């Protein structure tokens, strides 16, 4: 569904750009309109950019987070796999243990010992 909406949005934008170019008398007229340096055109450009960046910054993450809930579940041969509460607890505790071992800071003494052994190997 998201891919279809993105596909359609792309072609709508292409159509609107072509319509704008046609209304301004071709590429030269559209370019002249877009490159004007009046106060009003600068303000309009700033508002358009701000709206675009806010829309992309809010809409894209929202669409990704909402996503398709069916694809978030595990499917095997057409059947949905559901974990029991015990399996979910075991998985989250295993993830927490793995994260704790990865984020453990290394001590400077261990770093210097490792460096000295590797430099000793190079000297031999």
PDB file of N, CA and C in Angstrom:
ATOM      1  N   UNK A   1       0.823  -1.190   0.000  1.00  0.00           N
ATOM      2  CA  UNK A   1       0.000   0.000   0.000  1.00  0.00           C
ATOM      3  C   UNK A   1       0.867   1.253   0.000  1.00  0.00           C
ATOM      4  N   UNK A   2       1.928   1.250   0.814  1.00  0.00           N
ATOM      5  CA  UNK A   2       2.814   2.406   0.890  1.00  0.00           C
ATOM      6  C   UNK A   2       3.532   2.619  -0.429  1.00  0.00           C
ATOM      7  N   UNK A   3       3.948   1.537  -1.068  1.00  0.00           N
ATOM      8  CA  UNK A   3       4.634   1.644  -2.355  1.00  0.00           C
ATOM      9  C   UNK A   3       3.692   2.218  -3.415  1.00  0.00           C
ATOM     10  N   UNK A   4       2.445   1.821  -3.384  1.00  0.00           N
ATOM     11  CA  UNK A   4       1.471   2.342  -4.333  1.00  0.00           C
ATOM     12  C   UNK A   4       1.249   3.831  -4.119  1.00  0.00           C
ATOM     13  N   UNK A   5       1.135   4.252  -2.872  1.00  0.00           N
ATOM     14  CA  UNK A   5       0.941   5.678  -2.578  1.00  0.00           C
ATOM     15  C   UNK A   5       2.151   6.490  -3.010  1.00  0.00           C
ATOM     16  N   UNK A   6       3.350   5.980  -2.781  1.00  0.00           N
ATOM     17  CA  UNK A   6       4.565   6.687  -3.197  1.00  0.00           C
ATOM     18  C   UNK A   6       4.639   6.778  -4.718  1.00  0.00           C
ATOM     19  N   UNK A   7       4.278   5.710  -5.397  1.00  0.00           N
ATOM     20  CA  UNK A   7       4.273   5.703  -6.857  1.00  0.00           C
ATOM     21  C   UNK A   7       3.303   6.743  -7.401  1.00  0.00           C
ATOM     22  N   UNK A   8       2.104   6.759  -6.858  1.00  0.00           N
ATOM     23  CA  UNK A   8       1.100   7.733  -7.309  1.00  0.00           C
ATOM     24  C   UNK A   8       1.518   9.164  -6.970  1.00  0.00           C
ATOM     25  N   UNK A   9       2.071   9.372  -5.787  1.00  0.00           N
ATOM     26  CA  UNK A   9       2.511  10.719  -5.397  1.00  0.00           C
ATOM     27  C   UNK A   9       3.597  11.226  -6.331  1.00  0.00           C
ATOM     28  N   UNK A  10       4.518  10.358  -6.734  1.00  0.00           N
ATOM     29  CA  UNK A  10       5.568  10.748  -7.659  1.00  0.00           C
ATOM     30  C   UNK A  10       4.973  11.262  -8.962  1.00  0.00           C
ATOM     31  N   UNK A  11       4.020  10.536  -9.522  1.00  0.00           N
ATOM     32  CA  UNK A  11       3.441  10.936 -10.808  1.00  0.00           C
ATOM     33  C   UNK A  11       2.550  12.164 -10.675  1.00  0.00           C
ATOM     34  N   UNK A  12       1.926  12.346  -9.540  1.00  0.00           N
ATOM     35  CA  UNK A  12       1.152  13.572  -9.314  1.00  0.00           C
ATOM     36  C   UNK A  12       2.083  14.777  -9.299  1.00  0.00           C
ATOM     37  N   UNK A  13       3.223  14.644  -8.631  1.00  0.00           N
ATOM     38  CA  UNK A  13       4.194  15.745  -8.584  1.00  0.00           C
ATOM     39  C   UNK A  13       4.732  16.029  -9.986  1.00  0.00           C
ATOM     40  N   UNK A  14       5.044  14.997 -10.752  1.00  0.00           N
ATOM     41  CA  UNK A  14       5.519  15.198 -12.119  1.00  0.00           C
ATOM     42  C   UNK A  14       4.464  15.934 -12.942  1.00  0.00           C
ATOM     43  N   UNK A  15       3.216  15.545 -12.810  1.00  0.00           N
ATOM     44  CA  UNK A  15       2.132  16.211 -13.529  1.00  0.00           C
ATOM     45  C   UNK A  15       1.982  17.667 -13.124  1.00  0.00           C
ATOM     46  N   UNK A  16       2.081  17.970 -11.836  1.00  0.00           N
ATOM     47  CA  UNK A  16       1.970  19.358 -11.376  1.00  0.00           C
ATOM     48  C   UNK A  16       3.136  20.214 -11.874  1.00  0.00           C
ATOM     49  N   UNK A  17       4.327  19.644 -11.896  1.00  0.00           N
ATOM     50  CA  UNK A  17       5.482  20.386 -12.415  1.00  0.00           C
ATOM     51  C   UNK A  17       5.294  20.693 -13.892  1.00  0.00           C
ATOM     52  N   UNK A  18       4.855  19.717 -14.656  1.00  0.00           N
ATOM     53  CA  UNK A  18       4.610  19.962 -16.083  1.00  0.00           C
ATOM     54  C   UNK A  18       3.505  20.993 -16.295  1.00  0.00           C
ATOM     55  N   UNK A  19       2.479  20.962 -15.474  1.00  0.00           N
ATOM     56  CA  UNK A  19       1.401  21.942 -15.558  1.00  0.00           C
ATOM     57  C   UNK A  19       1.925  23.348 -15.254  1.00  0.00           C
ATOM     58  N   UNK A  20       2.769  23.483 -14.241  1.00  0.00           N
ATOM     59  CA  UNK A  20       3.359  24.773 -13.891  1.00  0.00           C
ATOM     60  C   UNK A  20       4.212  25.306 -15.040  1.00  0.00           C
ATOM     61  N   UNK A  21       5.026  24.423 -15.641  1.00  0.00           N
ATOM     62  CA  UNK A  21       5.868  24.847 -16.761  1.00  0.00           C
ATOM     63  C   UNK A  21       5.001  25.303 -17.931  1.00  0.00           C
ATOM     64  N   UNK A  22       3.920  24.588 -18.202  1.00  0.00           N
ATOM     65  CA  UNK A  22       3.033  24.964 -19.302  1.00  0.00           C
ATOM     66  C   UNK A  22       2.355  26.304 -19.038  1.00  0.00           C
ATOM     67  N   UNK A  23       1.945  26.568 -17.794  1.00  0.00           N
ATOM     68  CA  UNK A  23       1.291  27.840 -17.479  1.00  0.00           C
ATOM     69  C   UNK A  23       2.232  29.030 -17.620  1.00  0.00           C
ATOM     70  N   UNK A  24       3.509  28.831 -17.406  1.00  0.00           N
ATOM     71  CA  UNK A  24       4.486  29.920 -17.449  1.00  0.00           C
ATOM     72  C   UNK A  24       5.081  30.130 -18.823  1.00  0.00           C
ATOM     73  N   UNK A  25       4.617  29.410 -19.835  1.00  0.00           N
ATOM     74  CA  UNK A  25       5.099  29.630 -21.189  1.00  0.00           C
ATOM     75  C   UNK A  25       6.347  28.844 -21.533  1.00  0.00           C
ATOM     76  N   UNK A  26       6.518  27.718 -20.919  1.00  0.00           N
ATOM     77  CA  UNK A  26       7.665  26.877 -21.237  1.00  0.00           C
ATOM     78  C   UNK A  26       8.740  26.952 -20.171  1.00  0.00           C
ATOM     79  N   UNK A  27       9.846  26.253 -20.414  1.00  0.00           N
ATOM     80  CA  UNK A  27      10.920  26.193 -19.417  1.00  0.00           C
ATOM     81  C   UNK A  27      11.527  27.561 -19.093  1.00  0.00           C
ATOM     82  N   UNK A  28      11.671  28.424 -20.099  1.00  0.00           N
ATOM     83  CA  UNK A  28      12.269  29.737 -19.855  1.00  0.00           C
ATOM     84  C   UNK A  28      11.380  30.586 -18.945  1.00  0.00           C
ATOM     85  N   UNK A  29      10.091  30.577 -19.154  1.00  0.00           N
ATOM     86  CA  UNK A  29       9.169  31.341 -18.315  1.00  0.00           C
ATOM     87  C   UNK A  29       9.099  30.805 -16.897  1.00  0.00           C
ATOM     88  N   UNK A  30       9.107  29.473 -16.757  1.00  0.00           N
ATOM     89  CA  UNK A  30       9.085  28.865 -15.428  1.00  0.00           C
ATOM     90  C   UNK A  30      10.370  29.194 -14.676  1.00  0.00           C
ATOM     91  N   UNK A  31      11.505  29.146 -15.377  1.00  0.00           N
ATOM     92  CA  UNK A  31      12.786  29.461 -14.754  1.00  0.00           C
ATOM     93  C   UNK A  31      12.824  30.915 -14.296  1.00  0.00           C
ATOM     94  N   UNK A  32      12.309  31.811 -15.123  1.00  0.00           N
ATOM     95  CA  UNK A  32      12.290  33.227 -14.754  1.00  0.00           C
ATOM     96  C   UNK A  32      11.406  33.465 -13.540  1.00  0.00           C
ATOM     97  N   UNK A  33      10.294  32.768 -13.460  1.00  0.00           N
ATOM     98  CA  UNK A  33       9.403  32.917 -12.316  1.00  0.00           C
ATOM     99  C   UNK A  33      10.053  32.402 -11.034  1.00  0.00           C
ATOM    100  N   UNK A  34      10.711  31.257 -11.132  1.00  0.00           N
ATOM    101  CA  UNK A  34      11.316  30.651  -9.947  1.00  0.00           C
ATOM    102  C   UNK A  34      12.570  31.383  -9.480  1.00  0.00           C
ATOM    103  N   UNK A  35      13.244  32.098 -10.388  1.00  0.00           N
ATOM    104  CA  UNK A  35      14.490  32.761 -10.018  1.00  0.00           C
ATOM    105  C   UNK A  35      14.314  34.231  -9.681  1.00  0.00           C
ATOM    106  N   UNK A  36      13.102  34.681  -9.523  1.00  0.00           N
ATOM    107  CA  UNK A  36      12.898  36.080  -9.149  1.00  0.00           C
ATOM    108  C   UNK A  36      13.337  36.279  -7.700  1.00  0.00           C
ATOM    109  N   UNK A  37      13.828  37.449  -7.386  1.00  0.00           N
ATOM    110  CA  UNK A  37      14.394  37.712  -6.067  1.00  0.00           C
ATOM    111  C   UNK A  37      13.570  38.717  -5.262  1.00  0.00           C
ATOM    112  N   UNK A  38      12.286  38.744  -5.472  1.00  0.00           N
ATOM    113  CA  UNK A  38      11.456  39.660  -4.694  1.00  0.00           C
ATOM    114  C   UNK A  38      11.295  39.124  -3.273  1.00  0.00           C
ATOM    115  N   UNK A  39      10.887  40.004  -2.389  1.00  0.00           N
ATOM    116  CA  UNK A  39      10.700  39.600  -0.996  1.00  0.00           C
ATOM    117  C   UNK A  39       9.618  38.527  -0.878  1.00  0.00           C
ATOM    118  N   UNK A  40       8.564  38.693  -1.651  1.00  0.00           N
ATOM    119  CA  UNK A  40       7.457  37.741  -1.624  1.00  0.00           C
ATOM    120  C   UNK A  40       7.898  36.357  -2.110  1.00  0.00           C
ATOM    121  N   UNK A  41       8.704  36.313  -3.174  1.00  0.00           N
ATOM    122  CA  UNK A  41       9.138  35.011  -3.685  1.00  0.00           C
ATOM    123  C   UNK A  41      10.094  34.318  -2.716  1.00  0.00           C
ATOM    124  N   UNK A  42      10.953  35.072  -2.048  1.00  0.00           N
ATOM    125  CA  UNK A  42      11.852  34.468  -1.058  1.00  0.00           C
ATOM    126  C   UNK A  42      11.059  33.914   0.115  1.00  0.00           C
ATOM    127  N   UNK A  43      10.045  34.662   0.572  1.00  0.00           N
ATOM    128  CA  UNK A  43       9.211  34.195   1.682  1.00  0.00           C
ATOM    129  C   UNK A  43       8.433  32.946   1.273  1.00  0.00           C
ATOM    130  N   UNK A  44       7.903  32.954   0.051  1.00  0.00           N
ATOM    131  CA  UNK A  44       7.162  31.794  -0.440  1.00  0.00           C
ATOM    132  C   UNK A  44       8.071  30.566  -0.529  1.00  0.00           C
ATOM    133  N   UNK A  45       9.283  30.762  -1.040  1.00  0.00           N
ATOM    134  CA  UNK A  45      10.220  29.654  -1.138  1.00  0.00           C
ATOM    135  C   UNK A  45      10.565  29.117   0.253  1.00  0.00           C
ATOM    136  N   UNK A  46      10.766  30.002   1.220  1.00  0.00           N
ATOM    137  CA  UNK A  46      11.087  29.567   2.581  1.00  0.00           C
ATOM    138  C   UNK A  46       9.943  28.763   3.190  1.00  0.00           C
ATOM    139  N   UNK A  47       8.714  29.219   2.970  1.00  0.00           N
ATOM    140  CA  UNK A  47       7.549  28.507   3.500  1.00  0.00           C
ATOM    141  C   UNK A  47       7.410  27.140   2.828  1.00  0.00           C
ATOM    142  N   UNK A  48       7.605  27.090   1.512  1.00  0.00           N
ATOM    143  CA  UNK A  48       7.490  25.821   0.788  1.00  0.00           C
ATOM    144  C   UNK A  48       8.551  24.836   1.282  1.00  0.00           C
ATOM    145  N   UNK A  49       9.791  25.302   1.449  1.00  0.00           N
ATOM    146  CA  UNK A  49      10.845  24.417   1.946  1.00  0.00           C
ATOM    147  C   UNK A  49      10.546  23.947   3.359  1.00  0.00           C
ATOM    148  N   UNK A  50      10.083  24.846   4.214  1.00  0.00           N
ATOM    149  CA  UNK A  50       9.781  24.467   5.598  1.00  0.00           C
ATOM    150  C   UNK A  50       8.663  23.427   5.649  1.00  0.00           C
ATOM    151  N   UNK A  51       7.613  23.649   4.879  1.00  0.00           N
ATOM    152  CA  UNK A  51       6.496  22.695   4.848  1.00  0.00           C
ATOM    153  C   UNK A  51       6.962  21.349   4.303  1.00  0.00           C
ATOM    154  N   UNK A  52       7.791  21.378   3.277  1.00  0.00           N
ATOM    155  CA  UNK A  52       8.296  20.133   2.695  1.00  0.00           C
ATOM    156  C   UNK A  52       9.122  19.352   3.711  1.00  0.00           C
ATOM    157  N   UNK A  53      10.059  20.025   4.366  1.00  0.00           N
ATOM    158  CA  UNK A  53      10.922  19.321   5.307  1.00  0.00           C
ATOM    159  C   UNK A  53      10.152  18.826   6.527  1.00  0.00           C
ATOM    160  N   UNK A  54       9.193  19.592   7.003  1.00  0.00           N
ATOM    161  CA  UNK A  54       8.378  19.121   8.128  1.00  0.00           C
ATOM    162  C   UNK A  54       7.525  17.932   7.686  1.00  0.00           C
ATOM    163  N   UNK A  55       6.951  18.021   6.490  1.00  0.00           N
ATOM    164  CA  UNK A  55       6.117  16.921   5.994  1.00  0.00           C
ATOM    165  C   UNK A  55       6.939  15.654   5.839  1.00  0.00           C
ATOM    166  N   UNK A  56       8.126  15.771   5.275  1.00  0.00           N
ATOM    167  CA  UNK A  56       8.970  14.592   5.098  1.00  0.00           C
ATOM    168  C   UNK A  56       9.464  14.101   6.457  1.00  0.00           C
ATOM    169  N   UNK A  57       9.845  15.027   7.333  1.00  0.00           N
ATOM    170  CA  UNK A  57      10.361  14.644   8.639  1.00  0.00           C
ATOM    171  C   UNK A  57       9.328  14.032   9.561  1.00  0.00           C
ATOM    172  N   UNK A  58       8.066  14.332   9.339  1.00  0.00           N
ATOM    173  CA  UNK A  58       6.997  13.784  10.181  1.00  0.00           C
ATOM    174  C   UNK A  58       6.274  12.643   9.466  1.00  0.00           C
ATOM    175  N   UNK A  59       5.944  12.840   8.199  1.00  0.00           N
ATOM    176  CA  UNK A  59       5.126  11.860   7.485  1.00  0.00           C
ATOM    177  C   UNK A  59       5.874  10.558   7.230  1.00  0.00           C
ATOM    178  N   UNK A  60       7.102  10.641   6.794  1.00  0.00           N
ATOM    179  CA  UNK A  60       7.841   9.419   6.459  1.00  0.00           C
ATOM    180  C   UNK A  60       8.046   8.543   7.697  1.00  0.00           C
ATOM    181  N   UNK A  61       8.566   9.076   8.808  1.00  0.00           N
ATOM    182  CA  UNK A  61       8.695   8.209   9.985  1.00  0.00           C
ATOM    183  C   UNK A  61       7.354   7.670  10.484  1.00  0.00           C
ATOM    184  N   UNK A  62       6.305   8.486  10.400  1.00  0.00           N
ATOM    185  CA  UNK A  62       4.987   8.025  10.834  1.00  0.00           C
ATOM    186  C   UNK A  62       4.510   6.866   9.972  1.00  0.00           C
ATOM    187  N   UNK A  63       4.654   6.988   8.661  1.00  0.00           N
ATOM    188  CA  UNK A  63       4.233   5.909   7.768  1.00  0.00           C
ATOM    189  C   UNK A  63       5.053   4.649   7.995  1.00  0.00           C
ATOM    190  N   UNK A  64       6.327   4.813   8.258  1.00  0.00           N
ATOM    191  CA  UNK A  64       7.172   3.637   8.507  1.00  0.00           C
ATOM    192  C   UNK A  64       6.779   2.974   9.818  1.00  0.00           C
ATOM    193  N   UNK A  65       6.529   3.787  10.856  1.00  0.00           N
ATOM    194  CA  UNK A  65       6.159   3.211  12.151  1.00  0.00           C
ATOM    195  C   UNK A  65       4.796   2.532  12.103  1.00  0.00           C
ATOM    196  N   UNK A  66       3.853   3.147  11.410  1.00  0.00           N
ATOM    197  CA  UNK A  66       2.522   2.541  11.318  1.00  0.00           C
ATOM    198  C   UNK A  66       2.564   1.298  10.445  1.00  0.00           C
ATOM    199  N   UNK A  67       3.158   1.445   9.279  1.00  0.00           N
ATOM    200  CA  UNK A  67       3.419   0.326   8.379  1.00  0.00           C
ATOM    201  C   UNK A  67       2.299  -0.673   8.219  1.00  0.00           C
ATOM    202  N   UNK A  68       2.659  -1.803   7.703  1.00  0.00           N
ATOM    203  CA  UNK A  68       1.733  -2.900   7.500  1.00  0.00           C
ATOM    204  C   UNK A  68       1.934  -3.895   8.634  1.00  0.00           C
ATOM    205  N   UNK A  69       0.948  -4.019   9.499  1.00  0.00           N
ATOM    206  CA  UNK A  69       1.092  -4.886  10.664  1.00  0.00           C
ATOM    207  C   UNK A  69       1.135  -6.363  10.297  1.00  0.00           C
ATOM    208  N   UNK A  70       0.617  -6.716   9.149  1.00  0.00           N
ATOM    209  CA  UNK A  70       0.664  -8.115   8.743  1.00  0.00           C
ATOM    210  C   UNK A  70       2.091  -8.543   8.447  1.00  0.00           C
ATOM    211  N   UNK A  71       2.887  -7.645   7.889  1.00  0.00           N
ATOM    212  CA  UNK A  71       4.262  -8.020   7.573  1.00  0.00           C
ATOM    213  C   UNK A  71       5.133  -8.044   8.823  1.00  0.00           C
ATOM    214  N   UNK A  72       4.659  -7.473   9.925  1.00  0.00           N
ATOM    215  CA  UNK A  72       5.432  -7.490  11.162  1.00  0.00           C
ATOM    216  C   UNK A  72       5.332  -8.844  11.853  1.00  0.00           C
ATOM    217  N   UNK A  73       4.309  -9.620  11.581  1.00  0.00           N
ATOM    218  CA  UNK A  73       4.163 -10.945  12.175  1.00  0.00           C
ATOM    219  C   UNK A  73       4.906 -11.964  11.327  1.00  0.00           C
ATOM    220  N   UNK A  74       5.341 -13.029  11.973  1.00  0.00           N
ATOM    221  CA  UNK A  74       6.034 -14.087  11.245  1.00  0.00           C
ATOM    222  C   UNK A  74       4.994 -14.988  10.581  1.00  0.00           C
ATOM    223  N   UNK A  75       5.155 -15.226   9.286  1.00  0.00           N
ATOM    224  CA  UNK A  75       4.250 -16.104   8.544  1.00  0.00           C
ATOM    225  C   UNK A  75       5.037 -17.292   8.019  1.00  0.00           C
ATOM    226  N   UNK A  76       4.531 -18.499   8.294  1.00  0.00           N
ATOM    227  CA  UNK A  76       5.148 -19.710   7.784  1.00  0.00           C
ATOM    228  C   UNK A  76       4.053 -20.519   7.107  1.00  0.00           C
ATOM    229  N   UNK A  77       4.192 -20.736   5.813  1.00  0.00           N
ATOM    230  CA  UNK A  77       3.211 -21.492   5.030  1.00  0.00           C
ATOM    231  C   UNK A  77       1.789 -20.977   5.221  1.00  0.00           C
ATOM    232  N   UNK A  78       1.627 -19.686   5.265  1.00  0.00           N
ATOM    233  CA  UNK A  78       0.310 -19.081   5.379  1.00  0.00           C
ATOM    234  C   UNK A  78      -0.232 -18.990   6.787  1.00  0.00           C
ATOM    235  N   UNK A  79       0.474 -19.556   7.771  1.00  0.00           N
ATOM    236  CA  UNK A  79       0.015 -19.517   9.162  1.00  0.00           C
ATOM    237  C   UNK A  79       0.836 -18.473   9.926  1.00  0.00           C
ATOM    238  N   UNK A  80       0.186 -17.742  10.800  1.00  0.00           N
ATOM    239  CA  UNK A  80       0.867 -16.733  11.609  1.00  0.00           C
ATOM    240  C   UNK A  80       1.466 -17.388  12.843  1.00  0.00           C
ATOM    241  N   UNK A  81       2.726 -17.105  13.100  1.00  0.00           N
ATOM    242  CA  UNK A  81       3.418 -17.653  14.265  1.00  0.00           C
ATOM    243  C   UNK A  81       3.297 -16.637  15.399  1.00  0.00           C
ATOM    244  N   UNK A  82       2.768 -17.068  16.520  1.00  0.00           N
ATOM    245  CA  UNK A  82       2.620 -16.188  17.672  1.00  0.00           C
ATOM    246  C   UNK A  82       3.443 -16.759  18.827  1.00  0.00           C
ATOM    247  N   UNK A  83       4.210 -15.886  19.474  1.00  0.00           N
ATOM    248  CA  UNK A  83       5.024 -16.312  20.607  1.00  0.00           C
ATOM    249  C   UNK A  83       4.205 -16.265  21.888  1.00  0.00           C
ATOM    250  N   UNK A  84       4.490 -17.196  22.763  1.00  0.00           N
ATOM    251  CA  UNK A  84       3.852 -17.181  24.078  1.00  0.00           C
ATOM    252  C   UNK A  84       4.535 -16.116  24.930  1.00  0.00           C
ATOM    253  N   UNK A  85       3.941 -15.807  26.064  1.00  0.00           N
ATOM    254  CA  UNK A  85       4.526 -14.801  26.958  1.00  0.00           C
ATOM    255  C   UNK A  85       5.885 -15.255  27.463  1.00  0.00           C
ATOM    256  N   UNK A  86       6.029 -16.543  27.729  1.00  0.00           N
ATOM    257  CA  UNK A  86       7.300 -17.081  28.208  1.00  0.00           C
ATOM    258  C   UNK A  86       8.391 -16.934  27.138  1.00  0.00           C
ATOM    259  N   UNK A  87       8.043 -17.192  25.879  1.00  0.00           N
ATOM    260  CA  UNK A  87       9.012 -17.057  24.792  1.00  0.00           C
ATOM    261  C   UNK A  87       9.397 -15.591  24.585  1.00  0.00           C
ATOM    262  N   UNK A  88       8.430 -14.684  24.717  1.00  0.00           N
ATOM    263  CA  UNK A  88       8.723 -13.263  24.577  1.00  0.00           C
ATOM    264  C   UNK A  88       9.649 -12.783  25.689  1.00  0.00           C
ATOM    265  N   UNK A  89       9.404 -13.241  26.936  1.00  0.00           N
ATOM    266  CA  UNK A  89      10.268 -12.860  28.055  1.00  0.00           C
ATOM    267  C   UNK A  89      11.678 -13.391  27.851  1.00  0.00           C
ATOM    268  N   UNK A  90      11.788 -14.618  27.380  1.00  0.00           N
ATOM    269  CA  UNK A  90      13.115 -15.199  27.148  1.00  0.00           C
ATOM    270  C   UNK A  90      13.860 -14.432  26.062  1.00  0.00           C
ATOM    271  N   UNK A  91      13.147 -14.020  25.045  1.00  0.00           N
ATOM    272  CA  UNK A  91      13.778 -13.256  23.964  1.00  0.00           C
ATOM    273  C   UNK A  91      14.226 -11.888  24.415  1.00  0.00           C
ATOM    274  N   UNK A  92      13.410 -11.207  25.207  1.00  0.00           N
ATOM    275  CA  UNK A  92      13.800  -9.866  25.652  1.00  0.00           C
ATOM    276  C   UNK A  92      14.944  -9.926  26.651  1.00  0.00           C
ATOM    277  N   UNK A  93      14.989 -10.972  27.499  1.00  0.00           N
ATOM    278  CA  UNK A  93      16.111 -11.084  28.437  1.00  0.00           C
ATOM    279  C   UNK A  93      17.387 -11.449  27.692  1.00  0.00           C
ATOM    280  N   UNK A  94      17.287 -12.259  26.651  1.00  0.00           N
ATOM    281  CA  UNK A  94      18.472 -12.592  25.849  1.00  0.00           C
ATOM    282  C   UNK A  94      18.984 -11.356  25.124  1.00  0.00           C
ATOM    283  N   UNK A  95      18.080 -10.533  24.619  1.00  0.00           N
ATOM    284  CA  UNK A  95      18.482  -9.294  23.949  1.00  0.00           C
ATOM    285  C   UNK A  95      19.145  -8.341  24.931  1.00  0.00           C
ATOM    286  N   UNK A  96      18.603  -8.239  26.119  1.00  0.00           N
ATOM    287  CA  UNK A  96      19.185  -7.358  27.133  1.00  0.00           C
ATOM    288  C   UNK A  96      20.578  -7.826  27.524  1.00  0.00           C
ATOM    289  N   UNK A  97      20.765  -9.133  27.664  1.00  0.00           N
ATOM    290  CA  UNK A  97      22.084  -9.666  28.013  1.00  0.00           C
ATOM    291  C   UNK A  97      23.083  -9.411  26.894  1.00  0.00           C
ATOM    292  N   UNK A  98      22.657  -9.586  25.667  1.00  0.00           N
ATOM    293  CA  UNK A  98      23.531  -9.348  24.529  1.00  0.00           C
ATOM    294  C   UNK A  98      23.908  -7.877  24.429  1.00  0.00           C
ATOM    295  N   UNK A  99      22.949  -6.987  24.669  1.00  0.00           N
ATOM    296  CA  UNK A  99      23.226  -5.553  24.619  1.00  0.00           C
ATOM    297  C   UNK A  99      24.161  -5.134  25.745  1.00  0.00           C
ATOM    298  N   UNK A 100      24.032  -5.761  26.903  1.00  0.00           N
ATOM    299  CA  UNK A 100      24.891  -5.414  28.037  1.00  0.00           C
ATOM    300  C   UNK A 100      26.333  -5.805  27.764  1.00  0.00           C
ATOM    301  N   UNK A 101      26.560  -6.918  27.099  1.00  0.00           N
ATOM    302  CA  UNK A 101      27.937  -7.327  26.815  1.00  0.00           C
ATOM    303  C   UNK A 101      28.540  -6.495  25.695  1.00  0.00           C
ATOM    304  N   UNK A 102      27.745  -6.013  24.783  1.00  0.00           N
ATOM    305  CA  UNK A 102      28.264  -5.194  23.686  1.00  0.00           C
ATOM    306  C   UNK A 102      28.618  -3.793  24.140  1.00  0.00           C
ATOM    307  N   UNK A 103      27.882  -3.256  25.078  1.00  0.00           N
ATOM    308  CA  UNK A 103      28.101  -1.870  25.476  1.00  0.00           C
ATOM    309  C   UNK A 103      29.086  -1.730  26.624  1.00  0.00           C
ATOM    310  N   UNK A 104      29.734  -2.832  27.038  1.00  0.00           N
ATOM    311  CA  UNK A 104      30.685  -2.792  28.134  1.00  0.00           C
ATOM    312  C   UNK A 104      31.919  -2.011  27.692  1.00  0.00           C
ATOM    313  N   UNK A 105      32.298  -0.953  28.413  1.00  0.00           N
ATOM    314  CA  UNK A 105      33.466  -0.170  28.000  1.00  0.00           C
ATOM    315  C   UNK A 105      34.749  -0.945  28.252  1.00  0.00           C
ATOM    316  N   UNK A 106      35.695  -0.752  27.382  1.00  0.00           N
ATOM    317  CA  UNK A 106      36.994  -1.404  27.543  1.00  0.00           C
ATOM    318  C   UNK A 106      37.879  -0.523  28.403  1.00  0.00           C
ATOM    319  N   UNK A 107      38.687  -1.151  29.212  1.00  0.00           N
ATOM    320  CA  UNK A 107      39.571  -0.396  30.100  1.00  0.00           C
ATOM    321  C   UNK A 107      40.840  -0.016  29.345  1.00  0.00           C
ATOM    322  N   UNK A 108      41.452   1.091  29.713  1.00  0.00           N
ATOM    323  CA  UNK A 108      42.689   1.497  29.032  1.00  0.00           C
ATOM    324  C   UNK A 108      43.797   0.473  29.177  1.00  0.00           C
ATOM    325  N   UNK A 109      43.849  -0.225  30.335  1.00  0.00           N
ATOM    326  CA  UNK A 109      44.907  -1.216  30.525  1.00  0.00           C
ATOM    327  C   UNK A 109      44.750  -2.380  29.549  1.00  0.00           C
ATOM    328  N   UNK A 110      43.509  -2.800  29.290  1.00  0.00           N
ATOM    329  CA  UNK A 110      43.279  -3.886  28.343  1.00  0.00           C
ATOM    330  C   UNK A 110      43.653  -3.435  26.936  1.00  0.00           C
ATOM    331  N   UNK A 111      43.385  -2.176  26.620  1.00  0.00           N
ATOM    332  CA  UNK A 111      43.710  -1.651  25.309  1.00  0.00           C
ATOM    333  C   UNK A 111      45.231  -1.581  25.128  1.00  0.00           C
ATOM    334  N   UNK A 112      45.947  -1.100  26.148  1.00  0.00           N
ATOM    335  CA  UNK A 112      47.400  -0.987  26.030  1.00  0.00           C
ATOM    336  C   UNK A 112      48.047  -2.369  26.002  1.00  0.00           C
ATOM    337  N   UNK A 113      47.501  -3.327  26.746  1.00  0.00           N
ATOM    338  CA  UNK A 113      48.043  -4.681  26.721  1.00  0.00           C
ATOM    339  C   UNK A 113      47.864  -5.296  25.341  1.00  0.00           C
ATOM    340  N   UNK A 114      46.727  -5.065  24.737  1.00  0.00           N
ATOM    341  CA  UNK A 114      46.480  -5.607  23.412  1.00  0.00           C
ATOM    342  C   UNK A 114      47.411  -4.957  22.397  1.00  0.00           C
ATOM    343  N   UNK A 115      47.638  -3.658  22.532  1.00  0.00           N
ATOM    344  CA  UNK A 115      48.510  -2.947  21.609  1.00  0.00           C
ATOM    345  C   UNK A 115      49.949  -3.418  21.753  1.00  0.00           C
ATOM    346  N   UNK A 116      50.405  -3.617  22.989  1.00  0.00           N
ATOM    347  CA  UNK A 116      51.789  -4.026  23.186  1.00  0.00           C
ATOM    348  C   UNK A 116      52.036  -5.430  22.639  1.00  0.00           C
ATOM    349  N   UNK A 117      51.058  -6.316  22.768  1.00  0.00           N
ATOM    350  CA  UNK A 117      51.264  -7.667  22.242  1.00  0.00           C
ATOM    351  C   UNK A 117      51.298  -7.647  20.724  1.00  0.00           C
ATOM    352  N   UNK A 118      50.479  -6.821  20.091  1.00  0.00           N
ATOM    353  CA  UNK A 118      50.504  -6.775  18.637  1.00  0.00           C
ATOM    354  C   UNK A 118      51.782  -6.120  18.136  1.00  0.00           C
ATOM    355  N   UNK A 119      52.308  -5.125  18.884  1.00  0.00           N
ATOM    356  CA  UNK A 119      53.558  -4.504  18.437  1.00  0.00           C
ATOM    357  C   UNK A 119      54.729  -5.458  18.684  1.00  0.00           C
ATOM    358  N   UNK A 120      54.642  -6.277  19.743  1.00  0.00           N
ATOM    359  CA  UNK A 120      55.692  -7.273  19.975  1.00  0.00           C
ATOM    360  C   UNK A 120      55.732  -8.289  18.844  1.00  0.00           C
ATOM    361  N   UNK A 121      54.580  -8.649  18.343  1.00  0.00           N
ATOM    362  CA  UNK A 121      54.527  -9.608  17.239  1.00  0.00           C
ATOM    363  C   UNK A 121      55.161  -9.040  15.987  1.00  0.00           C
ATOM    364  N   UNK A 122      54.952  -7.738  15.754  1.00  0.00           N
ATOM    365  CA  UNK A 122      55.519  -7.133  14.565  1.00  0.00           C
ATOM    366  C   UNK A 122      57.041  -7.058  14.652  1.00  0.00           C
ATOM    367  N   UNK A 123      57.595  -6.893  15.830  1.00  0.00           N
ATOM    368  CA  UNK A 123      59.043  -6.792  16.000  1.00  0.00           C
ATOM    369  C   UNK A 123      59.741  -8.112  15.758  1.00  0.00           C
ATOM    370  N   UNK A 124      59.038  -9.211  16.005  1.00  0.00           N
ATOM    371  CA  UNK A 124      59.670 -10.534  15.867  1.00  0.00           C
ATOM    372  C   UNK A 124      59.843 -10.936  14.470  1.00  0.00           C
TER     373      UNK A 124
END
